[in-house]
C-alpha atoms as a PDB file:
ATOM      1  CA  UNK A   1     -81.779  11.035 -70.965  1.00  0.00           C
ATOM      2  CA  UNK A   2     -79.854  13.598 -72.968  1.00  0.00           C
ATOM      3  CA  UNK A   3     -77.228  15.366 -70.864  1.00  0.00           C
ATOM      4  CA  UNK A   4     -76.923  19.071 -71.630  1.00  0.00           C
ATOM      5  CA  UNK A   5     -73.579  20.818 -71.272  1.00  0.00           C
ATOM      6  CA  UNK A   6     -74.650  23.926 -69.363  1.00  0.00           C
ATOM      7  CA  UNK A   7     -71.632  25.988 -70.482  1.00  0.00           C
ATOM      8  CA  UNK A   8     -72.349  25.287 -74.174  1.00  0.00           C
ATOM      9  CA  UNK A   9     -76.079  25.877 -73.671  1.00  0.00           C
ATOM     10  CA  UNK A  10     -75.471  29.307 -72.120  1.00  0.00           C
ATOM     11  CA  UNK A  11     -72.979  30.253 -74.833  1.00  0.00           C
ATOM     12  CA  UNK A  12     -75.384  29.119 -77.538  1.00  0.00           C
ATOM     13  CA  UNK A  13     -78.275  31.123 -76.124  1.00  0.00           C
ATOM     14  CA  UNK A  14     -76.045  34.143 -75.769  1.00  0.00           C
ATOM     15  CA  UNK A  15     -74.913  33.804 -79.380  1.00  0.00           C
ATOM     16  CA  UNK A  16     -78.520  33.954 -80.616  1.00  0.00           C
ATOM     17  CA  UNK A  17     -79.049  37.141 -78.604  1.00  0.00           C
ATOM     18  CA  UNK A  18     -75.758  38.553 -79.855  1.00  0.00           C
ATOM     19  CA  UNK A  19     -76.773  38.007 -83.473  1.00  0.00           C
ATOM     20  CA  UNK A  20     -79.708  40.369 -83.065  1.00  0.00           C
ATOM     21  CA  UNK A  21     -77.575  42.910 -81.204  1.00  0.00           C
ATOM     22  CA  UNK A  22     -74.976  43.010 -83.970  1.00  0.00           C
ATOM     23  CA  UNK A  23     -77.395  42.809 -86.891  1.00  0.00           C
ATOM     24  CA  UNK A  24     -77.562  46.520 -87.680  1.00  0.00           C
ATOM     25  CA  UNK A  25     -75.008  49.268 -86.996  1.00  0.00           C
ATOM     26  CA  UNK A  26     -76.350  52.011 -84.765  1.00  0.00           C
ATOM     27  CA  UNK A  27     -76.630  55.405 -86.462  1.00  0.00           C
ATOM     28  CA  UNK A  28     -75.144  58.120 -84.264  1.00  0.00           C
ATOM     29  CA  UNK A  29     -77.027  61.362 -83.885  1.00  0.00           C
ATOM     30  CA  UNK A  30     -74.964  64.441 -84.611  1.00  0.00           C
ATOM     31  CA  UNK A  31     -75.824  65.818 -81.158  1.00  0.00           C
ATOM     32  CA  UNK A  32     -77.765  64.627 -78.138  1.00  0.00           C
ATOM     33  CA  UNK A  33     -77.860  61.212 -76.493  1.00  0.00           C
ATOM     34  CA  UNK A  34     -75.353  58.537 -77.438  1.00  0.00           C
ATOM     35  CA  UNK A  35     -75.896  54.846 -76.695  1.00  0.00           C
ATOM     36  CA  UNK A  36     -72.718  52.763 -76.806  1.00  0.00           C
ATOM     37  CA  UNK A  37     -72.255  48.989 -76.679  1.00  0.00           C
ATOM     38  CA  UNK A  38     -69.086  47.534 -75.174  1.00  0.00           C
ATOM     39  CA  UNK A  39     -68.059  43.875 -75.485  1.00  0.00           C
ATOM     40  CA  UNK A  40     -65.270  41.788 -73.971  1.00  0.00           C
ATOM     41  CA  UNK A  41     -64.446  38.052 -73.703  1.00  0.00           C
ATOM     42  CA  UNK A  42     -63.775  37.799 -69.954  1.00  0.00           C
ATOM     43  CA  UNK A  43     -66.157  36.567 -67.210  1.00  0.00           C
ATOM     44  CA  UNK A  44     -68.422  38.929 -65.279  1.00  0.00           C
ATOM     45  CA  UNK A  45     -66.228  38.456 -62.190  1.00  0.00           C
ATOM     46  CA  UNK A  46     -63.192  39.893 -63.995  1.00  0.00           C
ATOM     47  CA  UNK A  47     -61.738  43.376 -63.502  1.00  0.00           C
ATOM     48  CA  UNK A  48     -62.603  44.199 -67.120  1.00  0.00           C
ATOM     49  CA  UNK A  49     -66.270  43.944 -66.213  1.00  0.00           C
ATOM     50  CA  UNK A  50     -65.863  45.997 -63.038  1.00  0.00           C
ATOM     51  CA  UNK A  51     -63.891  48.716 -64.820  1.00  0.00           C
ATOM     52  CA  UNK A  52     -66.465  48.710 -67.604  1.00  0.00           C
ATOM     53  CA  UNK A  53     -69.266  49.264 -65.086  1.00  0.00           C
ATOM     54  CA  UNK A  54     -67.309  52.112 -63.502  1.00  0.00           C
ATOM     55  CA  UNK A  55     -66.777  53.625 -66.928  1.00  0.00           C
ATOM     56  CA  UNK A  56     -70.508  53.401 -67.694  1.00  0.00           C
ATOM     57  CA  UNK A  57     -71.370  55.132 -64.417  1.00  0.00           C
ATOM     58  CA  UNK A  58     -68.858  57.915 -64.977  1.00  0.00           C
ATOM     59  CA  UNK A  59     -69.930  58.563 -68.563  1.00  0.00           C
ATOM     60  CA  UNK A  60     -73.579  58.771 -67.548  1.00  0.00           C
ATOM     61  CA  UNK A  61     -72.846  61.038 -64.581  1.00  0.00           C
ATOM     62  CA  UNK A  62     -70.399  63.400 -66.266  1.00  0.00           C
ATOM     63  CA  UNK A  63     -72.453  63.708 -69.446  1.00  0.00           C
ATOM     64  CA  UNK A  64     -75.659  64.408 -67.559  1.00  0.00           C
ATOM     65  CA  UNK A  65     -77.159  61.198 -68.902  1.00  0.00           C
ATOM     66  CA  UNK A  66     -76.214  62.001 -72.484  1.00  0.00           C
ATOM     67  CA  UNK A  67     -73.860  59.015 -72.914  1.00  0.00           C
ATOM     68  CA  UNK A  68     -74.883  55.482 -71.913  1.00  0.00           C
ATOM     69  CA  UNK A  69     -72.731  52.359 -72.079  1.00  0.00           C
ATOM     70  CA  UNK A  70     -74.119  48.816 -72.166  1.00  0.00           C
ATOM     71  CA  UNK A  71     -71.635  46.022 -71.392  1.00  0.00           C
ATOM     72  CA  UNK A  72     -71.634  42.521 -72.904  1.00  0.00           C
ATOM     73  CA  UNK A  73     -69.119  40.176 -71.143  1.00  0.00           C
ATOM     74  CA  UNK A  74     -68.255  36.492 -71.568  1.00  0.00           C
ATOM     75  CA  UNK A  75     -67.730  36.741 -75.319  1.00  0.00           C
ATOM     76  CA  UNK A  76     -71.482  36.720 -75.929  1.00  0.00           C
ATOM     77  CA  UNK A  77     -70.906  38.997 -78.925  1.00  0.00           C
ATOM     78  CA  UNK A  78     -68.250  36.679 -80.351  1.00  0.00           C
ATOM     79  CA  UNK A  79     -64.640  35.741 -79.741  1.00  0.00           C
ATOM     80  CA  UNK A  80     -61.738  38.200 -79.636  1.00  0.00           C
ATOM     81  CA  UNK A  81     -61.246  38.483 -83.401  1.00  0.00           C
ATOM     82  CA  UNK A  82     -64.971  38.577 -84.128  1.00  0.00           C
ATOM     83  CA  UNK A  83     -65.497  41.507 -81.764  1.00  0.00           C
ATOM     84  CA  UNK A  84     -62.520  43.389 -83.189  1.00  0.00           C
ATOM     85  CA  UNK A  85     -63.995  43.018 -86.666  1.00  0.00           C
ATOM     86  CA  UNK A  86     -67.427  44.029 -85.363  1.00  0.00           C
ATOM     87  CA  UNK A  87     -65.969  47.257 -83.972  1.00  0.00           C
ATOM     88  CA  UNK A  88     -64.098  47.909 -87.215  1.00  0.00           C
ATOM     89  CA  UNK A  89     -67.304  47.346 -89.167  1.00  0.00           C
ATOM     90  CA  UNK A  90     -69.451  49.495 -86.897  1.00  0.00           C
ATOM     91  CA  UNK A  91     -71.773  46.795 -85.571  1.00  0.00           C
ATOM     92  CA  UNK A  92     -70.188  47.110 -82.111  1.00  0.00           C
ATOM     93  CA  UNK A  93     -68.964  50.361 -80.584  1.00  0.00           C
ATOM     94  CA  UNK A  94     -66.217  49.408 -78.116  1.00  0.00           C
ATOM     95  CA  UNK A  95     -64.328  46.322 -77.006  1.00  0.00           C
ATOM     96  CA  UNK A  96     -61.239  45.344 -75.052  1.00  0.00           C
ATOM     97  CA  UNK A  97     -59.059  42.286 -75.420  1.00  0.00           C
ATOM     98  CA  UNK A  98     -55.427  41.230 -75.240  1.00  0.00           C
ATOM     99  CA  UNK A  99     -52.830  43.064 -77.297  1.00  0.00           C
ATOM    100  CA  UNK A 100     -51.871  39.916 -79.283  1.00  0.00           C
ATOM    101  CA  UNK A 101     -55.192  40.049 -81.129  1.00  0.00           C
ATOM    102  CA  UNK A 102     -54.394  43.511 -82.517  1.00  0.00           C
ATOM    103  CA  UNK A 103     -50.912  42.802 -83.844  1.00  0.00           C
ATOM    104  CA  UNK A 104     -52.224  41.758 -87.255  1.00  0.00           C
ATOM    105  CA  UNK A 105     -53.497  45.325 -87.689  1.00  0.00           C
ATOM    106  CA  UNK A 106     -50.466  47.060 -86.153  1.00  0.00           C
ATOM    107  CA  UNK A 107     -47.461  44.685 -86.212  1.00  0.00           C
ATOM    108  CA  UNK A 108     -45.265  46.930 -84.074  1.00  0.00           C
ATOM    109  CA  UNK A 109     -47.616  46.236 -81.155  1.00  0.00           C
ATOM    110  CA  UNK A 110     -45.863  42.853 -81.023  1.00  0.00           C
ATOM    111  CA  UNK A 111     -43.162  44.571 -78.984  1.00  0.00           C
ATOM    112  CA  UNK A 112     -45.425  44.696 -75.920  1.00  0.00           C
ATOM    113  CA  UNK A 113     -45.684  40.899 -75.848  1.00  0.00           C
ATOM    114  CA  UNK A 114     -41.980  40.048 -75.928  1.00  0.00           C
ATOM    115  CA  UNK A 115     -41.006  37.650 -73.106  1.00  0.00           C
ATOM    116  CA  UNK A 116     -39.391  39.228 -70.042  1.00  0.00           C
ATOM    117  CA  UNK A 117     -39.637  42.721 -71.546  1.00  0.00           C
ATOM    118  CA  UNK A 118     -41.192  44.408 -68.502  1.00  0.00           C
ATOM    119  CA  UNK A 119     -39.413  44.461 -65.142  1.00  0.00           C
ATOM    120  CA  UNK A 120     -42.234  45.671 -62.873  1.00  0.00           C
ATOM    121  CA  UNK A 121     -45.698  47.189 -62.832  1.00  0.00           C
ATOM    122  CA  UNK A 122     -44.091  50.617 -62.545  1.00  0.00           C
ATOM    123  CA  UNK A 123     -42.254  49.852 -65.772  1.00  0.00           C
ATOM    124  CA  UNK A 124     -45.534  48.847 -67.423  1.00  0.00           C
ATOM    125  CA  UNK A 125     -47.182  52.108 -66.341  1.00  0.00           C
ATOM    126  CA  UNK A 126     -44.263  54.209 -67.568  1.00  0.00           C
ATOM    127  CA  UNK A 127     -44.677  52.690 -71.030  1.00  0.00           C
ATOM    128  CA  UNK A 128     -48.455  52.450 -71.374  1.00  0.00           C
ATOM    129  CA  UNK A 129     -49.322  55.808 -69.797  1.00  0.00           C
ATOM    130  CA  UNK A 130     -46.588  57.849 -71.446  1.00  0.00           C
ATOM    131  CA  UNK A 131     -45.631  59.180 -74.852  1.00  0.00           C
ATOM    132  CA  UNK A 132     -44.564  55.763 -76.112  1.00  0.00           C
ATOM    133  CA  UNK A 133     -47.919  54.271 -75.167  1.00  0.00           C
ATOM    134  CA  UNK A 134     -49.659  57.012 -77.156  1.00  0.00           C
ATOM    135  CA  UNK A 135     -47.458  56.276 -80.166  1.00  0.00           C
ATOM    136  CA  UNK A 136     -48.184  52.555 -80.020  1.00  0.00           C
ATOM    137  CA  UNK A 137     -51.932  53.142 -79.756  1.00  0.00           C
ATOM    138  CA  UNK A 138     -51.731  55.461 -82.767  1.00  0.00           C
ATOM    139  CA  UNK A 139     -50.487  52.466 -84.734  1.00  0.00           C
ATOM    140  CA  UNK A 140     -54.121  51.325 -84.974  1.00  0.00           C
ATOM    141  CA  UNK A 141     -55.159  54.548 -86.749  1.00  0.00           C
ATOM    142  CA  UNK A 142     -56.562  53.855 -90.190  1.00  0.00           C
ATOM    143  CA  UNK A 143     -57.635  50.313 -89.271  1.00  0.00           C
ATOM    144  CA  UNK A 144     -61.152  51.417 -88.382  1.00  0.00           C
ATOM    145  CA  UNK A 145     -60.248  51.494 -84.691  1.00  0.00           C
ATOM    146  CA  UNK A 146     -59.646  54.352 -82.272  1.00  0.00           C
ATOM    147  CA  UNK A 147     -57.556  53.184 -79.299  1.00  0.00           C
ATOM    148  CA  UNK A 148     -58.876  55.032 -76.237  1.00  0.00           C
ATOM    149  CA  UNK A 149     -56.581  53.593 -73.535  1.00  0.00           C
ATOM    150  CA  UNK A 150     -54.696  50.447 -72.568  1.00  0.00           C
ATOM    151  CA  UNK A 151     -55.975  48.058 -69.913  1.00  0.00           C
ATOM    152  CA  UNK A 152     -54.225  44.840 -68.918  1.00  0.00           C
ATOM    153  CA  UNK A 153     -54.618  41.102 -68.869  1.00  0.00           C
ATOM    154  CA  UNK A 154     -51.532  40.786 -66.666  1.00  0.00           C
ATOM    155  CA  UNK A 155     -48.492  38.585 -66.052  1.00  0.00           C
ATOM    156  CA  UNK A 156     -48.823  35.229 -67.771  1.00  0.00           C
ATOM    157  CA  UNK A 157     -48.231  31.900 -65.970  1.00  0.00           C
ATOM    158  CA  UNK A 158     -48.380  28.327 -67.242  1.00  0.00           C
ATOM    159  CA  UNK A 159     -51.046  25.838 -66.154  1.00  0.00           C
ATOM    160  CA  UNK A 160     -51.382  22.252 -67.315  1.00  0.00           C
ATOM    161  CA  UNK A 161     -53.005  18.944 -66.443  1.00  0.00           C
ATOM    162  CA  UNK A 162     -49.975  16.651 -66.869  1.00  0.00           C
ATOM    163  CA  UNK A 163     -47.081  17.613 -64.587  1.00  0.00           C
ATOM    164  CA  UNK A 164     -45.604  20.416 -62.460  1.00  0.00           C
ATOM    165  CA  UNK A 165     -43.345  22.791 -64.388  1.00  0.00           C
ATOM    166  CA  UNK A 166     -40.163  23.826 -62.555  1.00  0.00           C
ATOM    167  CA  UNK A 167     -37.700  24.157 -65.447  1.00  0.00           C
ATOM    168  CA  UNK A 168     -37.828  24.566 -69.235  1.00  0.00           C
ATOM    169  CA  UNK A 169     -37.380  20.805 -69.653  1.00  0.00           C
ATOM    170  CA  UNK A 170     -40.746  20.285 -67.953  1.00  0.00           C
ATOM    171  CA  UNK A 171     -42.469  22.263 -70.730  1.00  0.00           C
ATOM    172  CA  UNK A 172     -41.198  20.028 -73.533  1.00  0.00           C
ATOM    173  CA  UNK A 173     -43.942  18.173 -75.346  1.00  0.00           C
ATOM    174  CA  UNK A 174     -46.827  19.996 -73.655  1.00  0.00           C
ATOM    175  CA  UNK A 175     -49.557  21.181 -76.003  1.00  0.00           C
ATOM    176  CA  UNK A 176     -50.132  24.733 -74.772  1.00  0.00           C
ATOM    177  CA  UNK A 177     -52.820  27.149 -75.891  1.00  0.00           C
ATOM    178  CA  UNK A 178     -51.295  30.497 -76.781  1.00  0.00           C
ATOM    179  CA  UNK A 179     -52.542  33.748 -78.223  1.00  0.00           C
ATOM    180  CA  UNK A 180     -51.945  34.285 -81.969  1.00  0.00           C
ATOM    181  CA  UNK A 181     -49.025  36.586 -81.184  1.00  0.00           C
ATOM    182  CA  UNK A 182     -45.822  35.507 -82.990  1.00  0.00           C
ATOM    183  CA  UNK A 183     -43.698  36.199 -79.889  1.00  0.00           C
ATOM    184  CA  UNK A 184     -45.856  33.920 -77.720  1.00  0.00           C
ATOM    185  CA  UNK A 185     -45.813  31.163 -80.328  1.00  0.00           C
ATOM    186  CA  UNK A 186     -42.050  31.425 -80.852  1.00  0.00           C
ATOM    187  CA  UNK A 187     -41.391  31.345 -77.100  1.00  0.00           C
ATOM    188  CA  UNK A 188     -43.143  28.014 -76.635  1.00  0.00           C
ATOM    189  CA  UNK A 189     -41.549  26.570 -79.754  1.00  0.00           C
ATOM    190  CA  UNK A 190     -38.137  27.466 -78.310  1.00  0.00           C
ATOM    191  CA  UNK A 191     -39.129  25.734 -75.064  1.00  0.00           C
ATOM    192  CA  UNK A 192     -40.009  22.562 -76.958  1.00  0.00           C
ATOM    193  CA  UNK A 193     -43.759  22.793 -76.375  1.00  0.00           C
ATOM    194  CA  UNK A 194     -46.484  22.578 -79.014  1.00  0.00           C
ATOM    195  CA  UNK A 195     -48.043  26.078 -79.119  1.00  0.00           C
ATOM    196  CA  UNK A 196     -51.686  26.027 -80.178  1.00  0.00           C
ATOM    197  CA  UNK A 197     -53.221  29.469 -80.890  1.00  0.00           C
ATOM    198  CA  UNK A 198     -56.892  29.598 -79.976  1.00  0.00           C
ATOM    199  CA  UNK A 199     -59.602  32.117 -79.101  1.00  0.00           C
ATOM    200  CA  UNK A 200     -60.073  32.566 -75.360  1.00  0.00           C
ATOM    201  CA  UNK A 201     -63.780  31.740 -75.652  1.00  0.00           C
ATOM    202  CA  UNK A 202     -62.850  28.251 -76.927  1.00  0.00           C
ATOM    203  CA  UNK A 203     -60.257  27.542 -74.246  1.00  0.00           C
ATOM    204  CA  UNK A 204     -62.286  25.992 -71.407  1.00  0.00           C
ATOM    205  CA  UNK A 205     -63.825  23.376 -73.683  1.00  0.00           C
ATOM    206  CA  UNK A 206     -60.449  22.519 -75.236  1.00  0.00           C
ATOM    207  CA  UNK A 207     -58.936  22.002 -71.774  1.00  0.00           C
ATOM    208  CA  UNK A 208     -61.957  20.027 -70.611  1.00  0.00           C
ATOM    209  CA  UNK A 209     -61.809  17.725 -73.653  1.00  0.00           C
ATOM    210  CA  UNK A 210     -58.008  17.315 -73.192  1.00  0.00           C
ATOM    211  CA  UNK A 211     -57.376  18.373 -76.793  1.00  0.00           C
ATOM    212  CA  UNK A 212     -54.640  20.547 -75.264  1.00  0.00           C
ATOM    213  CA  UNK A 213     -52.599  20.052 -72.096  1.00  0.00           C
ATOM    214  CA  UNK A 214     -52.488  23.578 -70.760  1.00  0.00           C
ATOM    215  CA  UNK A 215     -52.550  27.299 -71.261  1.00  0.00           C
ATOM    216  CA  UNK A 216     -50.907  30.501 -69.982  1.00  0.00           C
ATOM    217  CA  UNK A 217     -52.740  33.418 -68.408  1.00  0.00           C
ATOM    218  CA  UNK A 218     -52.711  35.599 -65.269  1.00  0.00           C
ATOM    219  CA  UNK A 219     -53.834  34.128 -61.950  1.00  0.00           C
ATOM    220  CA  UNK A 220     -56.918  36.358 -61.857  1.00  0.00           C
ATOM    221  CA  UNK A 221     -58.174  35.122 -65.219  1.00  0.00           C
ATOM    222  CA  UNK A 222     -57.338  31.504 -64.386  1.00  0.00           C
ATOM    223  CA  UNK A 223     -59.489  31.841 -61.257  1.00  0.00           C
ATOM    224  CA  UNK A 224     -62.357  33.770 -62.835  1.00  0.00           C
ATOM    225  CA  UNK A 225     -62.523  31.273 -65.700  1.00  0.00           C
ATOM    226  CA  UNK A 226     -62.669  28.278 -63.326  1.00  0.00           C
ATOM    227  CA  UNK A 227     -59.655  26.661 -64.969  1.00  0.00           C
ATOM    228  CA  UNK A 228     -58.861  25.058 -61.597  1.00  0.00           C
ATOM    229  CA  UNK A 229     -61.697  22.642 -62.371  1.00  0.00           C
ATOM    230  CA  UNK A 230     -59.738  21.136 -65.270  1.00  0.00           C
ATOM    231  CA  UNK A 231     -56.068  22.054 -64.639  1.00  0.00           C
ATOM    232  CA  UNK A 232     -53.978  20.542 -61.851  1.00  0.00           C
ATOM    233  CA  UNK A 233     -50.740  22.558 -61.931  1.00  0.00           C
ATOM    234  CA  UNK A 234     -49.906  26.257 -62.055  1.00  0.00           C
ATOM    235  CA  UNK A 235     -46.306  27.450 -62.417  1.00  0.00           C
ATOM    236  CA  UNK A 236     -45.537  31.106 -61.748  1.00  0.00           C
ATOM    237  CA  UNK A 237     -43.350  31.637 -64.787  1.00  0.00           C
ATOM    238  CA  UNK A 238     -44.388  35.280 -65.294  1.00  0.00           C
ATOM    239  CA  UNK A 239     -42.872  34.920 -68.748  1.00  0.00           C
ATOM    240  CA  UNK A 240     -44.743  37.793 -70.388  1.00  0.00           C
ATOM    241  CA  UNK A 241     -47.035  40.698 -69.593  1.00  0.00           C
ATOM    242  CA  UNK A 242     -50.149  41.242 -71.689  1.00  0.00           C
ATOM    243  CA  UNK A 243     -51.590  44.705 -72.155  1.00  0.00           C
ATOM    244  CA  UNK A 244     -55.116  45.114 -73.514  1.00  0.00           C
ATOM    245  CA  UNK A 245     -56.179  47.993 -75.776  1.00  0.00           C
ATOM    246  CA  UNK A 246     -59.649  49.460 -75.313  1.00  0.00           C
ATOM    247  CA  UNK A 247     -60.799  50.376 -78.815  1.00  0.00           C
ATOM    248  CA  UNK A 248     -63.769  52.134 -80.393  1.00  0.00           C
ATOM    249  CA  UNK A 249     -65.120  52.313 -83.915  1.00  0.00           C
ATOM    250  CA  UNK A 250     -63.136  55.152 -85.463  1.00  0.00           C
ATOM    251  CA  UNK A 251     -66.010  56.591 -87.508  1.00  0.00           C
ATOM    252  CA  UNK A 252     -68.351  56.618 -84.534  1.00  0.00           C
ATOM    253  CA  UNK A 253     -65.749  58.339 -82.361  1.00  0.00           C
ATOM    254  CA  UNK A 254     -65.157  60.976 -85.036  1.00  0.00           C
ATOM    255  CA  UNK A 255     -68.913  61.564 -85.233  1.00  0.00           C
ATOM    256  CA  UNK A 256     -69.160  62.546 -81.572  1.00  0.00           C
ATOM    257  CA  UNK A 257     -69.149  66.149 -80.463  1.00  0.00           C
ATOM    258  CA  UNK A 258     -65.808  67.549 -79.293  1.00  0.00           C
ATOM    259  CA  UNK A 259     -66.910  67.579 -75.646  1.00  0.00           C
ATOM    260  CA  UNK A 260     -68.127  63.995 -75.902  1.00  0.00           C
ATOM    261  CA  UNK A 261     -64.812  62.886 -77.415  1.00  0.00           C
ATOM    262  CA  UNK A 262     -62.846  64.610 -74.669  1.00  0.00           C
ATOM    263  CA  UNK A 263     -65.000  63.033 -71.962  1.00  0.00           C
ATOM    264  CA  UNK A 264     -64.770  59.566 -73.479  1.00  0.00           C
ATOM    265  CA  UNK A 265     -60.969  59.676 -73.785  1.00  0.00           C
ATOM    266  CA  UNK A 266     -60.607  61.020 -70.242  1.00  0.00           C
ATOM    267  CA  UNK A 267     -62.874  58.412 -68.650  1.00  0.00           C
ATOM    268  CA  UNK A 268     -61.250  55.624 -70.685  1.00  0.00           C
ATOM    269  CA  UNK A 269     -57.794  56.643 -69.418  1.00  0.00           C
ATOM    270  CA  UNK A 270     -59.018  56.728 -65.814  1.00  0.00           C
ATOM    271  CA  UNK A 271     -60.729  53.354 -66.277  1.00  0.00           C
ATOM    272  CA  UNK A 272     -57.459  51.868 -67.556  1.00  0.00           C
ATOM    273  CA  UNK A 273     -55.568  52.894 -64.429  1.00  0.00           C
ATOM    274  CA  UNK A 274     -58.406  51.654 -62.219  1.00  0.00           C
ATOM    275  CA  UNK A 275     -58.572  48.305 -64.005  1.00  0.00           C
ATOM    276  CA  UNK A 276     -54.829  47.754 -63.764  1.00  0.00           C
ATOM    277  CA  UNK A 277     -54.950  48.633 -60.061  1.00  0.00           C
ATOM    278  CA  UNK A 278     -57.820  46.178 -59.511  1.00  0.00           C
ATOM    279  CA  UNK A 279     -55.926  43.433 -61.289  1.00  0.00           C
ATOM    280  CA  UNK A 280     -52.796  44.071 -59.231  1.00  0.00           C
ATOM    281  CA  UNK A 281     -54.721  43.882 -55.959  1.00  0.00           C
ATOM    282  CA  UNK A 282     -56.483  40.672 -56.949  1.00  0.00           C
ATOM    283  CA  UNK A 283     -53.462  38.710 -58.180  1.00  0.00           C
ATOM    284  CA  UNK A 284     -52.249  37.588 -54.744  1.00  0.00           C
ATOM    285  CA  UNK A 285     -55.653  36.523 -53.489  1.00  0.00           C
ATOM    286  CA  UNK A 286     -56.300  34.763 -56.795  1.00  0.00           C
ATOM    287  CA  UNK A 287     -53.300  32.480 -56.298  1.00  0.00           C
ATOM    288  CA  UNK A 288     -54.449  31.621 -52.777  1.00  0.00           C
ATOM    289  CA  UNK A 289     -57.920  30.834 -54.088  1.00  0.00           C
ATOM    290  CA  UNK A 290     -56.505  28.591 -56.812  1.00  0.00           C
ATOM    291  CA  UNK A 291     -54.616  26.621 -54.163  1.00  0.00           C
ATOM    292  CA  UNK A 292     -57.761  26.357 -52.043  1.00  0.00           C
ATOM    293  CA  UNK A 293     -59.539  24.945 -55.076  1.00  0.00           C
ATOM    294  CA  UNK A 294     -56.984  22.162 -55.435  1.00  0.00           C
ATOM    295  CA  UNK A 295     -54.326  23.474 -57.790  1.00  0.00           C
ATOM    296  CA  UNK A 296     -50.694  22.663 -57.015  1.00  0.00           C
ATOM    297  CA  UNK A 297     -48.633  25.856 -57.320  1.00  0.00           C
ATOM    298  CA  UNK A 298     -44.978  25.807 -58.354  1.00  0.00           C
ATOM    299  CA  UNK A 299     -43.430  29.054 -57.164  1.00  0.00           C
ATOM    300  CA  UNK A 300     -39.727  28.131 -57.191  1.00  0.00           C
ATOM    301  CA  UNK A 301     -39.323  28.652 -60.936  1.00  0.00           C
ATOM    302  CA  UNK A 302     -35.886  28.720 -62.564  1.00  0.00           C
ATOM    303  CA  UNK A 303     -36.547  32.086 -64.239  1.00  0.00           C
ATOM    304  CA  UNK A 304     -32.970  32.469 -65.459  1.00  0.00           C
ATOM    305  CA  UNK A 305     -33.191  29.205 -67.381  1.00  0.00           C
ATOM    306  CA  UNK A 306     -36.408  30.282 -69.104  1.00  0.00           C
ATOM    307  CA  UNK A 307     -34.986  33.698 -69.977  1.00  0.00           C
ATOM    308  CA  UNK A 308     -31.803  32.180 -71.374  1.00  0.00           C
ATOM    309  CA  UNK A 309     -33.824  30.187 -73.900  1.00  0.00           C
ATOM    310  CA  UNK A 310     -36.449  32.671 -75.089  1.00  0.00           C
ATOM    311  CA  UNK A 311     -35.468  36.284 -74.390  1.00  0.00           C
ATOM    312  CA  UNK A 312     -32.579  36.994 -76.765  1.00  0.00           C
ATOM    313  CA  UNK A 313     -33.806  35.042 -79.834  1.00  0.00           C
ATOM    314  CA  UNK A 314     -37.236  36.682 -79.770  1.00  0.00           C
ATOM    315  CA  UNK A 315     -35.832  40.185 -79.275  1.00  0.00           C
ATOM    316  CA  UNK A 316     -33.439  39.562 -82.166  1.00  0.00           C
ATOM    317  CA  UNK A 317     -36.314  38.371 -84.354  1.00  0.00           C
ATOM    318  CA  UNK A 318     -38.368  41.489 -83.560  1.00  0.00           C
ATOM    319  CA  UNK A 319     -35.397  43.814 -84.108  1.00  0.00           C
ATOM    320  CA  UNK A 320     -34.688  42.230 -87.489  1.00  0.00           C
ATOM    321  CA  UNK A 321     -38.228  43.079 -88.604  1.00  0.00           C
ATOM    322  CA  UNK A 322     -38.797  46.460 -86.973  1.00  0.00           C
ATOM    323  CA  UNK A 323     -35.420  47.667 -85.741  1.00  0.00           C
ATOM    324  CA  UNK A 324     -34.186  47.821 -82.125  1.00  0.00           C
ATOM    325  CA  UNK A 325     -35.535  51.307 -81.292  1.00  0.00           C
ATOM    326  CA  UNK A 326     -38.829  50.280 -79.668  1.00  0.00           C
ATOM    327  CA  UNK A 327     -37.175  47.682 -77.451  1.00  0.00           C
ATOM    328  CA  UNK A 328     -34.464  50.170 -76.476  1.00  0.00           C
ATOM    329  CA  UNK A 329     -37.032  52.843 -75.586  1.00  0.00           C
ATOM    330  CA  UNK A 330     -39.057  50.428 -73.465  1.00  0.00           C
ATOM    331  CA  UNK A 331     -35.932  49.147 -71.720  1.00  0.00           C
ATOM    332  CA  UNK A 332     -34.838  52.717 -70.962  1.00  0.00           C
ATOM    333  CA  UNK A 333     -38.131  53.371 -69.150  1.00  0.00           C
ATOM    334  CA  UNK A 334     -37.418  50.566 -66.669  1.00  0.00           C
ATOM    335  CA  UNK A 335     -35.406  53.004 -64.562  1.00  0.00           C
END
């Protein structure tokens, strides 16, 4: 009997459906009803999905039914980079994913992914919801994308299937999936690991097949993605915070009426704050659930030892390329 991998079967079926969805760009009417399609790579149980549903409800209600938003989770419209390119090309209207996937279009966005840059959630909010956040989002202008607001993935922690991680020495030799962000890659190189950039939609299979040892993501995403099924250890390193731009096709946004644009930007900003609040509330319960599902949690992390290895070299590398101003401005907002 042939054994079917259910996860691959579902993804394959979804990909066939996605091909028809993305086949032809939707032509926007100058006025009247607007139908928008919104994709993201996270599971349906994630706060991105819940915030997306809230956004759809608010747009429909406040526009009197004029604006509708259909949501496509689980990467059924493609991986992170594929969906970004689909939005740029106009075959998808909106998408959200981690900031590291946008840094190739706006390199200064790399600053948001520097290890140990943010001190607290209040610090994150002061940056993302203020003037500096607006400036950073504007960096995507001209790329075919209109950044509407910034959601979050959250504080990143290391999981792996080989050994508990207490100190930097425990990371040495581990093959860890990272985002394509240069700061993430450099951090794990400095720690002596083998960083392996990979799309999120490919991660579960890579962990399951043991082609990599581990990965790093927030507790909520680790839980929602069922990584506890294939990873034994989680270490609360909190080594970086990942923000997540919500972007729209720039031409389509510019083709909306002024009132529609204003409504969309307003609802997107409210959805960002709601999503970040949801994620914050779910982080603690997510860790408890991971433990209940058999993961061994290492909470007594030697944070100072990790910081001593990665923080200064990566900040120096960024400053050499872009100057120290952005880091200084973000640091100043910590108070």
